[in-house]
Structure formats: C-alpha cells, structure tokens
Protein backbone atom coordinates (compact mmCIF):
# COMPACT_ATOMS: atom_id res chain seq x y z
CA UNK A 1 102.99 117.74 100.04
CA UNK A 2 106.42 116.38 100.62
CA UNK A 3 109.24 118.37 98.74
CA UNK A 4 107.25 121.18 97.56
CA UNK A 5 107.87 124.72 98.35
CA UNK A 6 105.04 126.07 100.85
CA UNK A 7 104.54 129.74 99.00
CA UNK A 8 101.88 131.71 98.93
CA UNK A 9 99.56 132.45 95.70
CA UNK A 10 100.19 136.34 94.42
CA UNK A 11 96.47 136.47 94.42
CA UNK A 12 95.93 135.52 98.32
CA UNK A 13 99.08 137.89 99.28
CA UNK A 14 97.34 140.80 97.00
CA UNK A 15 94.07 140.08 98.86
CA UNK A 16 95.44 139.97 102.05
CA UNK A 17 96.72 143.66 101.09
CA UNK A 18 93.52 144.65 99.99
CA UNK A 19 91.80 143.32 103.12
CA UNK A 20 94.65 145.30 105.34
CA UNK A 21 93.75 148.14 103.27
CA UNK A 22 90.16 148.31 103.81
CA UNK A 23 90.44 147.91 107.60
CA UNK A 24 92.69 150.74 107.51
CA UNK A 25 90.88 153.23 105.66
CA UNK A 26 87.60 152.34 106.96
CA UNK A 27 88.71 152.62 110.66
CA UNK A 28 87.70 156.38 110.90
CA UNK A 29 84.82 156.49 108.68
CA UNK A 30 81.78 158.27 109.63
CA UNK A 31 79.36 156.53 112.35
CA UNK A 32 76.45 156.37 110.14
CA UNK A 33 78.38 154.33 107.65
CA UNK A 34 80.18 152.28 109.91
CA UNK A 35 77.83 149.50 111.08
CA UNK A 36 76.06 149.16 107.52
CA UNK A 37 78.14 149.94 104.45
CA UNK A 38 81.81 149.71 106.54
CA UNK A 39 80.70 146.44 108.06
CA UNK A 40 79.60 145.14 104.59
CA UNK A 41 82.93 145.97 103.15
CA UNK A 42 85.19 144.40 105.62
CA UNK A 43 83.38 141.45 105.77
CA UNK A 44 83.39 140.90 102.21
CA UNK A 45 86.95 141.30 101.98
CA UNK A 46 87.73 138.96 104.86
CA UNK A 47 85.32 136.31 103.09
CA UNK A 48 87.61 136.88 99.72
CA UNK A 49 90.74 136.04 101.73
CA UNK A 50 88.96 132.97 103.29
CA UNK A 51 87.78 131.60 100.07
CA UNK A 52 90.87 131.98 98.17
CA UNK A 53 92.79 130.31 101.25
CA UNK A 54 90.47 127.39 100.97
CA UNK A 55 90.31 126.96 97.09
CA UNK A 56 94.33 126.76 97.57
CA UNK A 57 94.21 123.69 100.02
CA UNK A 58 92.03 121.94 97.57
CA UNK A 59 93.72 118.97 95.99
CA UNK A 60 93.21 118.89 92.19
CA UNK A 61 94.42 115.84 90.39
C-alpha cells in the first residue's frame, strides 16, 4: 500500500517475543520432554506467529 507506514502490529511483536522466550527457555529442557512436549510447544508458538503474519497480510475493505 503506497504512502502507508509499514509498522508491525503490537500483537505480532509480542508473539515474536513469546516465541523467542519459549525457544530460549526450552533449549535446556530434559531429554524425555524435548521430543514431545517441548517440540509441540515450540511448534505452537511458531504457528501463532505465522498465522498472525498471514492474517495481517489479508486486505479487508
């Protein structure tokens, strides 16, 4: 969109912060959680960021 300032929505910024936090915190998790719970938690946070970015790209009249 021409002439509009391209700034990121606060919700997207906070979701990225959450994703970064989850990745850091779960990095040193016990092995028996790493491939089940941790993997699922990391994937869910990445999905949240992905869906928010896709929703922001949609044009609404």
